[in-house]
C-alpha cells in the first residue's frame, strides 16, 4: 500500500504534463519548421512536426523526480545516460549525424549502465576470462534494443503505445520485487507515453523523433537488465533461461520488427541502415488494415508478451518453455512477414 499512492501520483503528473508539453513542443516545432517531411522511404503523406520525444523525456524524468525523494543510484545512472542518448537523438532530428557517432554514444551510455552493476546474466563466468562475455553481451543487447525501438517508430502511435505497455508490465513486476524507485520510473515512462499518444494517435499531429525513440529503447532495455539481471537484487535467484525469456518477451515486438527489416533488406540487397516502408506496421497495412488497427494489434501483442513476462517471473510458466516458444514464434513471424509485399 505504501507504493500505491506514489504510483498513482506519478501516473497523474506524468500524463497531464505529457499532454500539455507535447502540444507546446508541437507548436515550437511548427514555428521553427522542425518537420518530418514525406519521402520515398517514409509512409506518411504530410509534413509532421518533431519534438514529441522531448516532451516524453522531460515529463518522465520530472514526474519521477517529483515523486521519488531518494533516488536509487543505479536508476539515476540509467536516467542520466538515457538523457544523453535522447540529446543525441534530438541532434539527429535537427541535423542527421553519422551512424558511427550515434553508435559510439550509445555504446558509451550502455557501458556506463553496465559499470553501475547491471548484468544480463545470460552468459555464465568463463574460466580464465570471468564475467567479461556477459558484460559485452549486456552492452550489445542494450544498444540493439535501443536501435530496435528507433526502427519501431515508423507508424502513428506504434512506438508510444508499445513502450507504454512494456513499461507498465515492468512496473508491476518491479513493485512485486520491492524495487520502488525503478517501478516509479517505469510508471512515469508509461504515463508519459500515454499522454504523448493523445497527440500521436492516428492520424498523428506530432512525432516523437529519434529523441523519443532512442530514449525509450535505451531506458526500457536498461531497466529490463536491472530488473532481470544477475547482480541487481530484483530477481537474483532465477535461471538464465528465465532472464533470457523475459528480456526477449519484453522487447518482442521491437526485436521481431527489427528481424523482419534486416532479413527483408538483406534479401533485397539494400543497406540495413537505409530507411524504408518495410516494417511490421507497413506490412499489416498492406494486408488491408488501417493505421489505427495495425497499431492496436501491435499494442495487443505487447500486452500478451508483457503478461507472459509476469507469468515467467512468478514461476507460473517455465523459463525454458517460454524461451523456446518466443524464439520459435519470433522466427516464424519474421519468415511469414517476408511473404507480404510492401
C-alpha atoms as a PDB file:
ATOM      1  CA  UNK A   1       0.000   0.000   0.000  1.00  0.00           C
ATOM      2  CA  UNK A   2       2.950   2.356   0.662  1.00  0.00           C
ATOM      3  CA  UNK A   3       3.826   2.267  -3.040  1.00  0.00           C
ATOM      4  CA  UNK A   4       0.232   2.671  -4.251  1.00  0.00           C
ATOM      5  CA  UNK A   5      -0.153   6.410  -3.795  1.00  0.00           C
ATOM      6  CA  UNK A   6       3.290   7.298  -5.240  1.00  0.00           C
ATOM      7  CA  UNK A   7       2.352   5.167  -8.248  1.00  0.00           C
ATOM      8  CA  UNK A   8      -0.972   6.982  -8.674  1.00  0.00           C
ATOM      9  CA  UNK A   9       0.744  10.348  -8.237  1.00  0.00           C
ATOM     10  CA  UNK A  10       3.463   9.719 -10.811  1.00  0.00           C
ATOM     11  CA  UNK A  11       0.911   8.468 -13.363  1.00  0.00           C
ATOM     12  CA  UNK A  12      -1.280  11.525 -12.912  1.00  0.00           C
ATOM     13  CA  UNK A  13       1.588  14.010 -13.020  1.00  0.00           C
ATOM     14  CA  UNK A  14       3.282  12.356 -15.997  1.00  0.00           C
ATOM     15  CA  UNK A  15       0.116  12.032 -18.065  1.00  0.00           C
ATOM     16  CA  UNK A  16      -1.051  15.625 -17.586  1.00  0.00           C
ATOM     17  CA  UNK A  17       2.434  17.047 -18.139  1.00  0.00           C
ATOM     18  CA  UNK A  18       2.879  14.966 -21.283  1.00  0.00           C
ATOM     19  CA  UNK A  19      -0.425  16.108 -22.781  1.00  0.00           C
ATOM     20  CA  UNK A  20       0.389  19.778 -22.150  1.00  0.00           C
ATOM     21  CA  UNK A  21       4.094  19.681 -23.011  1.00  0.00           C
ATOM     22  CA  UNK A  22       3.611  17.669 -26.216  1.00  0.00           C
ATOM     23  CA  UNK A  23       1.271  20.362 -27.549  1.00  0.00           C
ATOM     24  CA  UNK A  24       3.802  23.033 -26.574  1.00  0.00           C
ATOM     25  CA  UNK A  25       6.599  21.166 -28.362  1.00  0.00           C
ATOM     26  CA  UNK A  26       4.368  20.747 -31.419  1.00  0.00           C
ATOM     27  CA  UNK A  27       3.934  24.500 -31.650  1.00  0.00           C
ATOM     28  CA  UNK A  28       7.657  25.102 -31.209  1.00  0.00           C
ATOM     29  CA  UNK A  29       8.428  22.565 -33.941  1.00  0.00           C
ATOM     30  CA  UNK A  30       5.944  24.255 -36.276  1.00  0.00           C
ATOM     31  CA  UNK A  31       7.421  27.684 -35.527  1.00  0.00           C
ATOM     32  CA  UNK A  32      10.986  26.598 -36.293  1.00  0.00           C
ATOM     33  CA  UNK A  33       9.940  24.185 -39.064  1.00  0.00           C
ATOM     34  CA  UNK A  34      11.343  21.092 -37.393  1.00  0.00           C
ATOM     35  CA  UNK A  35       9.325  18.748 -39.550  1.00  0.00           C
ATOM     36  CA  UNK A  36       9.459  15.160 -40.733  1.00  0.00           C
ATOM     37  CA  UNK A  37       8.667  15.591 -44.412  1.00  0.00           C
ATOM     38  CA  UNK A  38       7.275  12.867 -46.680  1.00  0.00           C
ATOM     39  CA  UNK A  39       9.769  10.964 -48.795  1.00  0.00           C
ATOM     40  CA  UNK A  40      10.363   7.851 -50.802  1.00  0.00           C
ATOM     41  CA  UNK A  41      11.425   5.875 -47.723  1.00  0.00           C
ATOM     42  CA  UNK A  42       8.605   7.133 -45.461  1.00  0.00           C
ATOM     43  CA  UNK A  43       4.985   6.072 -45.135  1.00  0.00           C
ATOM     44  CA  UNK A  44       3.340   9.335 -44.031  1.00  0.00           C
ATOM     45  CA  UNK A  45       1.984  11.721 -46.637  1.00  0.00           C
ATOM     46  CA  UNK A  46       2.073  15.062 -44.767  1.00  0.00           C
ATOM     47  CA  UNK A  47       4.852  17.044 -43.117  1.00  0.00           C
ATOM     48  CA  UNK A  48       4.599  16.400 -39.374  1.00  0.00           C
ATOM     49  CA  UNK A  49       6.418  18.229 -36.553  1.00  0.00           C
ATOM     50  CA  UNK A  50       9.073  16.507 -34.442  1.00  0.00           C
ATOM     51  CA  UNK A  51       9.958  17.120 -30.768  1.00  0.00           C
ATOM     52  CA  UNK A  52       7.330  14.863 -29.191  1.00  0.00           C
ATOM     53  CA  UNK A  53      10.201  12.848 -27.778  1.00  0.00           C
ATOM     54  CA  UNK A  54      11.442  15.877 -25.868  1.00  0.00           C
ATOM     55  CA  UNK A  55       8.078  16.032 -24.107  1.00  0.00           C
ATOM     56  CA  UNK A  56       8.293  12.340 -23.207  1.00  0.00           C
ATOM     57  CA  UNK A  57      11.808  12.642 -21.772  1.00  0.00           C
ATOM     58  CA  UNK A  58      11.182  15.812 -19.766  1.00  0.00           C
ATOM     59  CA  UNK A  59       7.841  14.562 -18.455  1.00  0.00           C
ATOM     60  CA  UNK A  60       9.054  11.097 -17.420  1.00  0.00           C
ATOM     61  CA  UNK A  61      12.161  12.415 -15.659  1.00  0.00           C
ATOM     62  CA  UNK A  62      10.334  15.299 -13.972  1.00  0.00           C
ATOM     63  CA  UNK A  63       7.465  13.110 -12.723  1.00  0.00           C
ATOM     64  CA  UNK A  64       9.904  10.518 -11.384  1.00  0.00           C
ATOM     65  CA  UNK A  65      11.998  13.200  -9.640  1.00  0.00           C
ATOM     66  CA  UNK A  66       8.918  14.788  -8.025  1.00  0.00           C
ATOM     67  CA  UNK A  67       7.626  11.512  -6.592  1.00  0.00           C
ATOM     68  CA  UNK A  68      10.996   9.903  -5.725  1.00  0.00           C
ATOM     69  CA  UNK A  69      12.729  11.825  -2.898  1.00  0.00           C
ATOM     70  CA  UNK A  70      15.714   9.471  -2.513  1.00  0.00           C
ATOM     71  CA  UNK A  71      16.778   8.145  -5.932  1.00  0.00           C
ATOM     72  CA  UNK A  72      18.445   4.769  -6.354  1.00  0.00           C
ATOM     73  CA  UNK A  73      21.988   5.164  -7.752  1.00  0.00           C
ATOM     74  CA  UNK A  74      21.537   2.548 -10.488  1.00  0.00           C
ATOM     75  CA  UNK A  75      18.223   4.035 -11.584  1.00  0.00           C
ATOM     76  CA  UNK A  76      19.715   7.535 -11.514  1.00  0.00           C
ATOM     77  CA  UNK A  77      22.608   6.337 -13.687  1.00  0.00           C
ATOM     78  CA  UNK A  78      20.157   4.849 -16.182  1.00  0.00           C
ATOM     79  CA  UNK A  79      18.153   8.085 -16.325  1.00  0.00           C
ATOM     80  CA  UNK A  80      21.183  10.357 -16.761  1.00  0.00           C
ATOM     81  CA  UNK A  81      22.662   8.206 -19.533  1.00  0.00           C
ATOM     82  CA  UNK A  82      19.196   7.966 -21.104  1.00  0.00           C
ATOM     83  CA  UNK A  83      19.050  11.761 -21.228  1.00  0.00           C
ATOM     84  CA  UNK A  84      22.371  11.833 -23.085  1.00  0.00           C
ATOM     85  CA  UNK A  85      21.038   9.306 -25.583  1.00  0.00           C
ATOM     86  CA  UNK A  86      17.915  11.454 -26.010  1.00  0.00           C
ATOM     87  CA  UNK A  87      20.106  14.508 -26.659  1.00  0.00           C
ATOM     88  CA  UNK A  88      21.904  12.508 -29.340  1.00  0.00           C
ATOM     89  CA  UNK A  89      18.531  11.736 -30.891  1.00  0.00           C
ATOM     90  CA  UNK A  90      17.466  15.376 -30.735  1.00  0.00           C
ATOM     91  CA  UNK A  91      20.626  16.438 -32.554  1.00  0.00           C
ATOM     92  CA  UNK A  92      19.916  13.766 -35.144  1.00  0.00           C
ATOM     93  CA  UNK A  93      16.355  15.062 -35.549  1.00  0.00           C
ATOM     94  CA  UNK A  94      17.615  18.563 -36.280  1.00  0.00           C
ATOM     95  CA  UNK A  95      20.605  17.540 -38.370  1.00  0.00           C
ATOM     96  CA  UNK A  96      21.190  13.846 -39.180  1.00  0.00           C
ATOM     97  CA  UNK A  97      24.511  12.582 -37.833  1.00  0.00           C
ATOM     98  CA  UNK A  98      26.706   9.703 -38.913  1.00  0.00           C
ATOM     99  CA  UNK A  99      25.791   6.202 -37.799  1.00  0.00           C
ATOM    100  CA  UNK A 100      29.256   5.743 -36.290  1.00  0.00           C
ATOM    101  CA  UNK A 101      28.763   8.767 -34.000  1.00  0.00           C
ATOM    102  CA  UNK A 102      25.375   7.517 -32.836  1.00  0.00           C
ATOM    103  CA  UNK A 103      26.707   4.045 -32.096  1.00  0.00           C
ATOM    104  CA  UNK A 104      29.690   5.458 -30.197  1.00  0.00           C
ATOM    105  CA  UNK A 105      27.448   7.468 -27.869  1.00  0.00           C
ATOM    106  CA  UNK A 106      25.072   4.528 -27.418  1.00  0.00           C
ATOM    107  CA  UNK A 107      27.899   2.137 -26.551  1.00  0.00           C
ATOM    108  CA  UNK A 108      29.361   4.606 -24.047  1.00  0.00           C
ATOM    109  CA  UNK A 109      25.949   5.090 -22.430  1.00  0.00           C
ATOM    110  CA  UNK A 110      25.290   1.331 -22.294  1.00  0.00           C
ATOM    111  CA  UNK A 111      28.767   0.755 -20.876  1.00  0.00           C
ATOM    112  CA  UNK A 112      28.057   3.263 -18.121  1.00  0.00           C
ATOM    113  CA  UNK A 113      24.863   1.440 -17.142  1.00  0.00           C
ATOM    114  CA  UNK A 114      26.737  -1.869 -17.083  1.00  0.00           C
ATOM    115  CA  UNK A 115      29.520  -0.287 -14.999  1.00  0.00           C
ATOM    116  CA  UNK A 116      26.869   0.610 -12.403  1.00  0.00           C
ATOM    117  CA  UNK A 117      26.321  -3.118 -11.853  1.00  0.00           C
ATOM    118  CA  UNK A 118      23.824  -4.149 -14.500  1.00  0.00           C
ATOM    119  CA  UNK A 119      24.391  -7.600 -15.985  1.00  0.00           C
ATOM    120  CA  UNK A 120      22.061  -9.641 -18.161  1.00  0.00           C
ATOM    121  CA  UNK A 121      23.183 -12.880 -16.520  1.00  0.00           C
ATOM    122  CA  UNK A 122      22.719 -14.858 -19.734  1.00  0.00           C
ATOM    123  CA  UNK A 123      26.326 -15.976 -20.120  1.00  0.00           C
ATOM    124  CA  UNK A 124      27.985 -17.500 -17.071  1.00  0.00           C
ATOM    125  CA  UNK A 125      31.506 -16.808 -15.898  1.00  0.00           C
ATOM    126  CA  UNK A 126      34.139 -18.220 -18.265  1.00  0.00           C
ATOM    127  CA  UNK A 127      37.273 -19.769 -16.666  1.00  0.00           C
ATOM    128  CA  UNK A 128      40.251 -17.502 -17.202  1.00  0.00           C
ATOM    129  CA  UNK A 129      38.073 -14.666 -18.503  1.00  0.00           C
ATOM    130  CA  UNK A 130      35.478 -14.115 -15.803  1.00  0.00           C
ATOM    131  CA  UNK A 131      32.284 -12.154 -16.429  1.00  0.00           C
ATOM    132  CA  UNK A 132      33.533 -10.264 -19.485  1.00  0.00           C
ATOM    133  CA  UNK A 133      31.445 -12.216 -22.031  1.00  0.00           C
ATOM    134  CA  UNK A 134      28.255 -11.404 -20.146  1.00  0.00           C
ATOM    135  CA  UNK A 135      29.346  -7.771 -19.790  1.00  0.00           C
ATOM    136  CA  UNK A 136      29.895  -7.487 -23.538  1.00  0.00           C
ATOM    137  CA  UNK A 137      26.599  -9.233 -24.244  1.00  0.00           C
ATOM    138  CA  UNK A 138      24.721  -6.831 -21.956  1.00  0.00           C
ATOM    139  CA  UNK A 139      26.171  -3.756 -23.660  1.00  0.00           C
ATOM    140  CA  UNK A 140      25.406  -5.162 -27.119  1.00  0.00           C
ATOM    141  CA  UNK A 141      21.857  -6.069 -26.115  1.00  0.00           C
ATOM    142  CA  UNK A 142      21.094  -2.585 -24.749  1.00  0.00           C
ATOM    143  CA  UNK A 143      22.411  -0.968 -27.948  1.00  0.00           C
ATOM    144  CA  UNK A 144      20.468  -3.422 -30.121  1.00  0.00           C
ATOM    145  CA  UNK A 145      17.152  -2.792 -28.362  1.00  0.00           C
ATOM    146  CA  UNK A 146      17.770   0.959 -28.339  1.00  0.00           C
ATOM    147  CA  UNK A 147      18.001   0.946 -32.119  1.00  0.00           C
ATOM    148  CA  UNK A 148      15.150  -1.565 -32.441  1.00  0.00           C
ATOM    149  CA  UNK A 149      12.803   0.929 -30.785  1.00  0.00           C
ATOM    150  CA  UNK A 150      14.185   3.601 -33.079  1.00  0.00           C
ATOM    151  CA  UNK A 151      13.231   1.432 -36.055  1.00  0.00           C
ATOM    152  CA  UNK A 152       9.849   0.688 -34.483  1.00  0.00           C
ATOM    153  CA  UNK A 153       8.928   4.372 -34.593  1.00  0.00           C
ATOM    154  CA  UNK A 154       7.651   4.132 -38.160  1.00  0.00           C
ATOM    155  CA  UNK A 155       3.882   4.433 -37.807  1.00  0.00           C
ATOM    156  CA  UNK A 156       1.465   6.685 -35.918  1.00  0.00           C
ATOM    157  CA  UNK A 157       1.101   5.544 -32.319  1.00  0.00           C
ATOM    158  CA  UNK A 158       3.211   2.384 -32.667  1.00  0.00           C
ATOM    159  CA  UNK A 159       6.338   3.126 -30.616  1.00  0.00           C
ATOM    160  CA  UNK A 160       4.473   5.116 -27.975  1.00  0.00           C
ATOM    161  CA  UNK A 161       1.780   2.512 -27.330  1.00  0.00           C
ATOM    162  CA  UNK A 162       4.219  -0.411 -27.220  1.00  0.00           C
ATOM    163  CA  UNK A 163       6.561   1.466 -24.887  1.00  0.00           C
ATOM    164  CA  UNK A 164       3.632   2.367 -22.620  1.00  0.00           C
ATOM    165  CA  UNK A 165       2.554  -1.267 -22.344  1.00  0.00           C
ATOM    166  CA  UNK A 166       6.097  -2.596 -21.866  1.00  0.00           C
ATOM    167  CA  UNK A 167       6.955  -0.065 -19.168  1.00  0.00           C
ATOM    168  CA  UNK A 168       3.696  -0.793 -17.345  1.00  0.00           C
ATOM    169  CA  UNK A 169       4.484  -4.523 -17.267  1.00  0.00           C
ATOM    170  CA  UNK A 170       7.951  -3.838 -15.853  1.00  0.00           C
ATOM    171  CA  UNK A 171       6.477  -1.500 -13.253  1.00  0.00           C
ATOM    172  CA  UNK A 172       4.103  -4.214 -11.995  1.00  0.00           C
ATOM    173  CA  UNK A 173       6.951  -6.701 -11.647  1.00  0.00           C
ATOM    174  CA  UNK A 174       9.229  -4.126 -10.002  1.00  0.00           C
ATOM    175  CA  UNK A 175       6.582  -3.394  -7.366  1.00  0.00           C
ATOM    176  CA  UNK A 176       6.283  -7.148  -6.753  1.00  0.00           C
ATOM    177  CA  UNK A 177      10.029  -7.385  -6.123  1.00  0.00           C
ATOM    178  CA  UNK A 178      10.025  -4.293  -3.900  1.00  0.00           C
ATOM    179  CA  UNK A 179      12.189  -2.092  -6.142  1.00  0.00           C
ATOM    180  CA  UNK A 180      10.029   1.018  -5.828  1.00  0.00           C
ATOM    181  CA  UNK A 181      12.420   3.508  -7.437  1.00  0.00           C
ATOM    182  CA  UNK A 182      12.593   1.766 -10.798  1.00  0.00           C
ATOM    183  CA  UNK A 183       8.887   0.883 -10.630  1.00  0.00           C
ATOM    184  CA  UNK A 184       8.008   4.578 -10.251  1.00  0.00           C
ATOM    185  CA  UNK A 185      10.242   5.423 -13.203  1.00  0.00           C
ATOM    186  CA  UNK A 186       8.587   2.781 -15.376  1.00  0.00           C
ATOM    187  CA  UNK A 187       5.164   4.157 -14.472  1.00  0.00           C
ATOM    188  CA  UNK A 188       6.405   7.643 -15.361  1.00  0.00           C
ATOM    189  CA  UNK A 189       7.517   6.363 -18.767  1.00  0.00           C
ATOM    190  CA  UNK A 190       4.222   4.563 -19.371  1.00  0.00           C
ATOM    191  CA  UNK A 191       2.068   7.546 -18.398  1.00  0.00           C
ATOM    192  CA  UNK A 192       4.257   9.952 -20.390  1.00  0.00           C
ATOM    193  CA  UNK A 193       3.826   7.799 -23.488  1.00  0.00           C
ATOM    194  CA  UNK A 194       0.070   7.685 -22.863  1.00  0.00           C
ATOM    195  CA  UNK A 195      -0.063  11.477 -22.678  1.00  0.00           C
ATOM    196  CA  UNK A 196       2.011  11.741 -25.850  1.00  0.00           C
ATOM    197  CA  UNK A 197      -0.387   9.361 -27.618  1.00  0.00           C
ATOM    198  CA  UNK A 198      -3.178  11.897 -27.191  1.00  0.00           C
ATOM    199  CA  UNK A 199      -1.393  13.819 -29.962  1.00  0.00           C
ATOM    200  CA  UNK A 200       0.318  10.916 -31.724  1.00  0.00           C
ATOM    201  CA  UNK A 201      -2.607   8.536 -32.178  1.00  0.00           C
ATOM    202  CA  UNK A 202      -3.536   8.106 -35.870  1.00  0.00           C
ATOM    203  CA  UNK A 203      -3.651  10.490 -37.568  1.00  0.00           C
ATOM    204  CA  UNK A 204      -0.623  11.844 -35.706  1.00  0.00           C
ATOM    205  CA  UNK A 205      -0.242  15.570 -35.146  1.00  0.00           C
ATOM    206  CA  UNK A 206       3.344  15.184 -33.902  1.00  0.00           C
ATOM    207  CA  UNK A 207       6.106  12.538 -33.994  1.00  0.00           C
ATOM    208  CA  UNK A 208       8.453  11.627 -31.153  1.00  0.00           C
ATOM    209  CA  UNK A 209      11.501  11.590 -33.428  1.00  0.00           C
ATOM    210  CA  UNK A 210      14.831   9.987 -32.563  1.00  0.00           C
ATOM    211  CA  UNK A 211      14.961  11.887 -29.264  1.00  0.00           C
ATOM    212  CA  UNK A 212      11.987   9.889 -28.022  1.00  0.00           C
ATOM    213  CA  UNK A 213      12.513   6.512 -29.670  1.00  0.00           C
ATOM    214  CA  UNK A 214      16.193   6.236 -28.704  1.00  0.00           C
ATOM    215  CA  UNK A 215      15.417   7.307 -25.127  1.00  0.00           C
ATOM    216  CA  UNK A 216      12.586   4.800 -24.771  1.00  0.00           C
ATOM    217  CA  UNK A 217      14.608   1.955 -26.265  1.00  0.00           C
ATOM    218  CA  UNK A 218      17.567   2.730 -24.022  1.00  0.00           C
ATOM    219  CA  UNK A 219      15.746   3.094 -20.699  1.00  0.00           C
ATOM    220  CA  UNK A 220      13.458   0.128 -21.359  1.00  0.00           C
ATOM    221  CA  UNK A 221      16.350  -2.186 -22.251  1.00  0.00           C
ATOM    222  CA  UNK A 222      18.435  -0.842 -19.363  1.00  0.00           C
ATOM    223  CA  UNK A 223      15.545  -1.245 -16.930  1.00  0.00           C
ATOM    224  CA  UNK A 224      14.980  -4.820 -18.106  1.00  0.00           C
ATOM    225  CA  UNK A 225      18.618  -5.672 -17.432  1.00  0.00           C
ATOM    226  CA  UNK A 226      18.440  -4.092 -13.980  1.00  0.00           C
ATOM    227  CA  UNK A 227      15.228  -5.939 -13.088  1.00  0.00           C
ATOM    228  CA  UNK A 228      16.044  -9.340 -14.559  1.00  0.00           C
ATOM    229  CA  UNK A 229      19.841  -9.275 -14.404  1.00  0.00           C
ATOM    230  CA  UNK A 230      22.061 -11.440 -12.254  1.00  0.00           C
ATOM    231  CA  UNK A 231      23.608  -8.857  -9.927  1.00  0.00           C
ATOM    232  CA  UNK A 232      20.937  -6.349  -9.023  1.00  0.00           C
ATOM    233  CA  UNK A 233      18.844  -7.925  -6.288  1.00  0.00           C
ATOM    234  CA  UNK A 234      15.449  -7.708  -8.014  1.00  0.00           C
ATOM    235  CA  UNK A 235      15.258 -11.321  -9.200  1.00  0.00           C
ATOM    236  CA  UNK A 236      18.631 -12.726  -8.077  1.00  0.00           C
ATOM    237  CA  UNK A 237      17.747 -16.412  -7.931  1.00  0.00           C
ATOM    238  CA  UNK A 238      16.139 -17.027 -11.324  1.00  0.00           C
ATOM    239  CA  UNK A 239      17.825 -19.146 -14.005  1.00  0.00           C
ATOM    240  CA  UNK A 240      19.440 -17.803 -17.163  1.00  0.00           C
ATOM    241  CA  UNK A 241      16.559 -19.197 -19.210  1.00  0.00           C
ATOM    242  CA  UNK A 242      14.095 -17.079 -17.215  1.00  0.00           C
ATOM    243  CA  UNK A 243      16.251 -13.994 -17.746  1.00  0.00           C
ATOM    244  CA  UNK A 244      16.636 -14.659 -21.470  1.00  0.00           C
ATOM    245  CA  UNK A 245      12.922 -15.360 -21.931  1.00  0.00           C
ATOM    246  CA  UNK A 246      11.943 -12.192 -20.066  1.00  0.00           C
ATOM    247  CA  UNK A 247      14.352  -9.974 -21.988  1.00  0.00           C
ATOM    248  CA  UNK A 248      13.046 -11.268 -25.302  1.00  0.00           C
ATOM    249  CA  UNK A 249       9.387 -11.154 -24.270  1.00  0.00           C
ATOM    250  CA  UNK A 250       9.644  -7.566 -23.041  1.00  0.00           C
ATOM    251  CA  UNK A 251      11.074  -6.437 -26.370  1.00  0.00           C
ATOM    252  CA  UNK A 252       9.231  -8.959 -28.550  1.00  0.00           C
ATOM    253  CA  UNK A 253       7.518  -6.530 -30.925  1.00  0.00           C
ATOM    254  CA  UNK A 254      10.624  -4.385 -31.394  1.00  0.00           C
ATOM    255  CA  UNK A 255      13.018  -7.306 -31.910  1.00  0.00           C
ATOM    256  CA  UNK A 256      10.694  -9.117 -34.340  1.00  0.00           C
ATOM    257  CA  UNK A 257      10.213  -5.897 -36.301  1.00  0.00           C
ATOM    258  CA  UNK A 258      13.989  -5.450 -36.469  1.00  0.00           C
ATOM    259  CA  UNK A 259      14.400  -9.045 -37.620  1.00  0.00           C
ATOM    260  CA  UNK A 260      11.803  -8.532 -40.358  1.00  0.00           C
ATOM    261  CA  UNK A 261      13.569  -5.401 -41.584  1.00  0.00           C
ATOM    262  CA  UNK A 262      17.059  -6.929 -41.522  1.00  0.00           C
ATOM    263  CA  UNK A 263      16.021 -10.070 -43.434  1.00  0.00           C
ATOM    264  CA  UNK A 264      13.971  -8.045 -45.910  1.00  0.00           C
ATOM    265  CA  UNK A 265      16.749  -5.593 -46.706  1.00  0.00           C
ATOM    266  CA  UNK A 266      19.439  -8.249 -46.915  1.00  0.00           C
ATOM    267  CA  UNK A 267      17.307 -10.233 -49.368  1.00  0.00           C
ATOM    268  CA  UNK A 268      16.788  -7.092 -51.444  1.00  0.00           C
ATOM    269  CA  UNK A 269      20.469  -6.172 -51.362  1.00  0.00           C
ATOM    270  CA  UNK A 270      19.759  -2.899 -49.560  1.00  0.00           C
ATOM    271  CA  UNK A 271      21.787  -1.408 -46.682  1.00  0.00           C
ATOM    272  CA  UNK A 272      20.260  -2.345 -43.329  1.00  0.00           C
ATOM    273  CA  UNK A 273      20.657   1.239 -42.099  1.00  0.00           C
ATOM    274  CA  UNK A 274      18.702   2.667 -45.035  1.00  0.00           C
ATOM    275  CA  UNK A 275      15.141   3.655 -44.156  1.00  0.00           C
ATOM    276  CA  UNK A 276      12.129   2.139 -45.835  1.00  0.00           C
ATOM    277  CA  UNK A 277       8.423   1.306 -45.589  1.00  0.00           C
ATOM    278  CA  UNK A 278       9.091  -2.384 -44.924  1.00  0.00           C
ATOM    279  CA  UNK A 279       8.297  -2.650 -41.216  1.00  0.00           C
ATOM    280  CA  UNK A 280       5.642  -4.742 -39.489  1.00  0.00           C
ATOM    281  CA  UNK A 281       3.126  -1.903 -39.436  1.00  0.00           C
ATOM    282  CA  UNK A 282       3.595  -1.284 -43.162  1.00  0.00           C
ATOM    283  CA  UNK A 283       3.028  -4.957 -43.925  1.00  0.00           C
ATOM    284  CA  UNK A 284      -0.120  -5.012 -41.794  1.00  0.00           C
ATOM    285  CA  UNK A 285      -1.443  -2.044 -43.753  1.00  0.00           C
ATOM    286  CA  UNK A 286      -0.552  -3.832 -46.984  1.00  0.00           C
ATOM    287  CA  UNK A 287      -2.864  -6.624 -45.797  1.00  0.00           C
ATOM    288  CA  UNK A 288      -5.724  -4.136 -45.592  1.00  0.00           C
ATOM    289  CA  UNK A 289      -5.536  -2.823 -42.031  1.00  0.00           C
ATOM    290  CA  UNK A 290      -5.912   0.850 -41.243  1.00  0.00           C
ATOM    291  CA  UNK A 291      -3.081   2.539 -39.342  1.00  0.00           C
ATOM    292  CA  UNK A 292      -5.038   2.582 -36.071  1.00  0.00           C
ATOM    293  CA  UNK A 293      -5.914  -1.122 -36.445  1.00  0.00           C
ATOM    294  CA  UNK A 294      -2.271  -2.067 -37.057  1.00  0.00           C
ATOM    295  CA  UNK A 295      -1.204  -0.052 -34.015  1.00  0.00           C
ATOM    296  CA  UNK A 296      -3.846  -1.707 -31.828  1.00  0.00           C
ATOM    297  CA  UNK A 297      -2.719  -5.163 -32.951  1.00  0.00           C
ATOM    298  CA  UNK A 298       0.923  -4.402 -32.096  1.00  0.00           C
ATOM    299  CA  UNK A 299      -0.223  -2.959 -28.752  1.00  0.00           C
ATOM    300  CA  UNK A 300      -2.169  -6.155 -28.039  1.00  0.00           C
ATOM    301  CA  UNK A 301       0.849  -8.322 -28.865  1.00  0.00           C
ATOM    302  CA  UNK A 302       2.960  -6.207 -26.500  1.00  0.00           C
ATOM    303  CA  UNK A 303       0.300  -6.732 -23.835  1.00  0.00           C
ATOM    304  CA  UNK A 304       0.365 -10.507 -24.323  1.00  0.00           C
ATOM    305  CA  UNK A 305       4.160 -10.653 -24.171  1.00  0.00           C
ATOM    306  CA  UNK A 306       4.131  -8.442 -21.059  1.00  0.00           C
ATOM    307  CA  UNK A 307       1.642 -10.790 -19.390  1.00  0.00           C
ATOM    308  CA  UNK A 308       3.870 -13.756 -20.222  1.00  0.00           C
ATOM    309  CA  UNK A 309       6.781 -11.952 -18.576  1.00  0.00           C
ATOM    310  CA  UNK A 310       4.809 -11.779 -15.343  1.00  0.00           C
ATOM    311  CA  UNK A 311       3.878 -15.476 -15.588  1.00  0.00           C
ATOM    312  CA  UNK A 312       7.501 -16.481 -16.177  1.00  0.00           C
ATOM    313  CA  UNK A 313       8.827 -14.250 -13.381  1.00  0.00           C
ATOM    314  CA  UNK A 314       6.279 -15.560 -10.884  1.00  0.00           C
ATOM    315  CA  UNK A 315       7.168 -19.169 -11.754  1.00  0.00           C
ATOM    316  CA  UNK A 316       3.802 -19.950 -13.361  1.00  0.00           C
ATOM    317  CA  UNK A 317       5.435 -20.623 -16.739  1.00  0.00           C
ATOM    318  CA  UNK A 318       8.795 -22.451 -17.058  1.00  0.00           C
ATOM    319  CA  UNK A 319      11.563 -20.200 -18.378  1.00  0.00           C
ATOM    320  CA  UNK A 320      12.917 -22.827 -20.778  1.00  0.00           C
ATOM    321  CA  UNK A 321       9.480 -23.373 -22.327  1.00  0.00           C
ATOM    322  CA  UNK A 322       8.917 -19.637 -22.686  1.00  0.00           C
ATOM    323  CA  UNK A 323      12.379 -19.134 -24.239  1.00  0.00           C
ATOM    324  CA  UNK A 324      11.872 -21.847 -26.869  1.00  0.00           C
ATOM    325  CA  UNK A 325       8.370 -20.552 -27.591  1.00  0.00           C
ATOM    326  CA  UNK A 326       9.411 -16.912 -28.030  1.00  0.00           C
ATOM    327  CA  UNK A 327      12.385 -17.801 -30.247  1.00  0.00           C
ATOM    328  CA  UNK A 328      10.290 -20.111 -32.414  1.00  0.00           C
ATOM    329  CA  UNK A 329       7.374 -17.699 -32.680  1.00  0.00           C
ATOM    330  CA  UNK A 330       9.667 -14.789 -33.498  1.00  0.00           C
ATOM    331  CA  UNK A 331      11.466 -16.715 -36.247  1.00  0.00           C
ATOM    332  CA  UNK A 332       8.170 -17.866 -37.790  1.00  0.00           C
ATOM    333  CA  UNK A 333       6.773 -14.316 -37.805  1.00  0.00           C
ATOM    334  CA  UNK A 334       9.926 -12.950 -39.444  1.00  0.00           C
ATOM    335  CA  UNK A 335       9.669 -15.535 -42.212  1.00  0.00           C
ATOM    336  CA  UNK A 336       5.915 -15.106 -42.741  1.00  0.00           C
ATOM    337  CA  UNK A 337       6.293 -11.335 -42.966  1.00  0.00           C
ATOM    338  CA  UNK A 338       8.640 -11.702 -45.944  1.00  0.00           C
ATOM    339  CA  UNK A 339       5.684 -13.011 -47.961  1.00  0.00           C
ATOM    340  CA  UNK A 340       3.815  -9.719 -47.602  1.00  0.00           C
ATOM    341  CA  UNK A 341       4.818  -7.375 -50.393  1.00  0.00           C
ATOM    342  CA  UNK A 342       5.352  -3.730 -49.496  1.00  0.00           C
END
